[in-house]
Amino acid sequence: MRMWMVDPKLMCRKHLLGEHNEIHKHRHNFVKGHSISGRISPVVQIEPKSMLLRHDALVDEMKCRGYNHQSPYEMPDLSKYDIMDIKVDISESLKELKKRCDECYDKISSRIA
């Protein structure tokens, strides 16, 4: 599970919907109290405290693209986690998306150029 944290407009359909889906899937780990250490170290891949806001940002973009959204997100209790204010490195996410996906590469390159 990875939260890219880049502007959702810069993501292809696959990565936009994939991140949205993963946020919903990962909620279960928080509810069950599973370890997230592999997602925050050595590289921060998720921002637990940002999940609701990120979900809503992804949904806004999904709606702009005409996608149907019917899965609201309920923020889980994060009090059992010592996560402080960890942040995903957005510049690294942009580089990784450009490496992984030609469509994301095109969107990112045309927007940031």
Protein backbone atom coordinates (compact mmCIF):
# COMPACT_ATOMS: atom_id res chain seq x y z
CA MET A 1 0.00 0.00 0.00
CA ARG A 2 1.36 3.36 -0.98
CA MET A 3 -0.01 6.85 -0.78
CA TRP A 4 1.56 8.82 -3.60
CA MET A 5 0.42 12.18 -2.18
CA VAL A 6 0.94 13.88 -5.56
CA ASP A 7 -1.72 16.07 -7.10
CA PRO A 8 -4.40 13.55 -8.19
CA LYS A 9 -4.69 15.37 -11.53
CA LEU A 10 -1.18 14.08 -12.33
CA MET A 11 -2.13 10.43 -11.93
CA CYS A 12 -3.38 8.01 -14.55
CA ARG A 13 -6.64 6.16 -14.00
CA LYS A 14 -4.85 3.03 -12.73
CA HIS A 15 -2.82 4.86 -10.08
CA LEU A 16 -5.68 7.16 -9.03
CA LEU A 17 -8.11 4.29 -8.49
CA GLY A 18 -5.38 2.07 -7.08
CA GLU A 19 -4.44 4.53 -4.36
CA HIS A 20 -8.11 5.05 -3.52
CA ASN A 21 -8.62 1.30 -3.23
CA GLU A 22 -5.50 0.83 -1.10
CA ILE A 23 -6.61 3.50 1.37
CA HIS A 24 -9.81 1.54 1.94
CA LYS A 25 -7.92 -1.76 2.22
CA HIS A 26 -5.36 -0.39 4.65
CA ARG A 27 -8.05 0.92 7.02
CA HIS A 28 -8.55 -2.68 8.12
CA ASN A 29 -4.92 -2.81 9.34
CA PHE A 30 -5.50 0.19 11.58
CA VAL A 31 -8.76 -1.18 12.94
CA LYS A 32 -7.08 -4.51 13.75
CA GLY A 33 -3.98 -2.82 15.19
CA HIS A 34 -1.57 -4.43 12.72
CA SER A 35 1.98 -3.14 12.45
CA ILE A 36 2.66 -0.48 9.84
CA SER A 37 6.40 -0.30 10.46
CA GLY A 38 7.20 -1.58 6.95
CA ARG A 39 5.16 1.26 5.48
CA ILE A 40 6.85 4.04 7.41
CA SER A 41 10.46 2.83 7.54
CA PRO A 42 12.91 2.94 5.87
CA VAL A 43 10.81 4.87 3.34
CA VAL A 44 7.57 6.59 4.32
CA GLN A 45 4.88 5.18 2.02
CA ILE A 46 1.78 6.19 3.96
CA GLU A 47 0.55 9.16 5.96
CA PRO A 48 -1.97 7.64 8.36
CA LYS A 49 -3.20 10.98 9.69
CA SER A 50 -3.81 12.20 6.12
CA MET A 51 -5.87 9.25 4.92
CA LEU A 52 -9.27 10.92 5.14
CA LEU A 53 -8.11 14.12 3.44
CA ARG A 54 -6.25 12.14 0.79
CA HIS A 55 -9.26 9.91 0.18
CA ASP A 56 -11.43 12.96 -0.33
CA ALA A 57 -8.89 14.57 -2.71
CA LEU A 58 -8.80 11.38 -4.78
CA VAL A 59 -12.60 11.25 -4.83
CA ASP A 60 -12.80 14.86 -6.01
CA GLU A 61 -10.58 14.00 -8.96
CA MET A 62 -12.49 10.81 -9.64
CA LYS A 63 -15.72 12.81 -9.83
CA CYS A 64 -14.08 15.38 -12.13
CA ARG A 65 -13.24 12.50 -14.47
CA GLY A 66 -16.81 11.24 -14.34
CA TYR A 67 -16.10 8.15 -12.23
CA ASN A 68 -18.76 6.80 -9.92
CA HIS A 69 -17.79 6.85 -6.24
CA GLN A 70 -19.85 5.15 -3.56
CA SER A 71 -17.37 4.24 -0.82
CA PRO A 72 -17.10 6.86 1.91
CA TYR A 73 -14.06 6.63 4.18
CA GLU A 74 -14.33 6.60 7.95
CA MET A 75 -11.12 7.56 9.70
CA PRO A 76 -9.97 4.78 12.06
CA ASP A 77 -8.68 5.34 15.58
CA LEU A 78 -4.92 5.90 15.28
CA SER A 79 -4.26 6.43 19.00
CA LYS A 80 -2.42 3.11 19.38
CA TYR A 81 0.16 4.14 16.77
CA ASP A 82 3.24 6.25 17.45
CA ILE A 83 3.27 7.94 14.06
CA MET A 84 3.63 11.62 14.84
CA ASP A 85 3.56 13.64 11.62
CA ILE A 86 5.27 11.39 9.11
CA LYS A 87 5.16 12.62 5.53
CA VAL A 88 5.59 10.99 2.14
CA ASP A 89 8.31 12.58 0.00
CA ILE A 90 6.23 13.90 -2.90
CA SER A 91 9.23 14.58 -5.13
CA GLU A 92 10.25 10.91 -4.78
CA SER A 93 6.68 9.83 -5.51
CA LEU A 94 6.69 11.91 -8.71
CA LYS A 95 9.96 10.29 -9.81
CA GLU A 96 8.66 6.80 -9.03
CA LEU A 97 5.36 7.35 -10.86
CA LYS A 98 7.22 8.65 -13.91
CA LYS A 99 9.43 5.55 -13.86
CA ARG A 100 6.56 3.10 -13.44
CA CYS A 101 3.93 4.48 -15.79
CA ASP A 102 4.06 6.10 -19.23
CA GLU A 103 0.68 7.75 -18.76
CA CYS A 104 1.66 9.26 -15.40
CA TYR A 105 4.96 10.30 -16.98
CA ASP A 106 3.09 12.20 -19.69
CA LYS A 107 0.69 13.86 -17.23
CA ILE A 108 3.47 14.87 -14.83
CA SER A 109 5.82 16.08 -17.55
CA SER A 110 3.19 18.19 -19.30
CA ARG A 111 1.97 19.78 -16.05
CA ILE A 112 5.31 20.47 -14.40
CA ALA A 113 7.35 21.40 -17.48
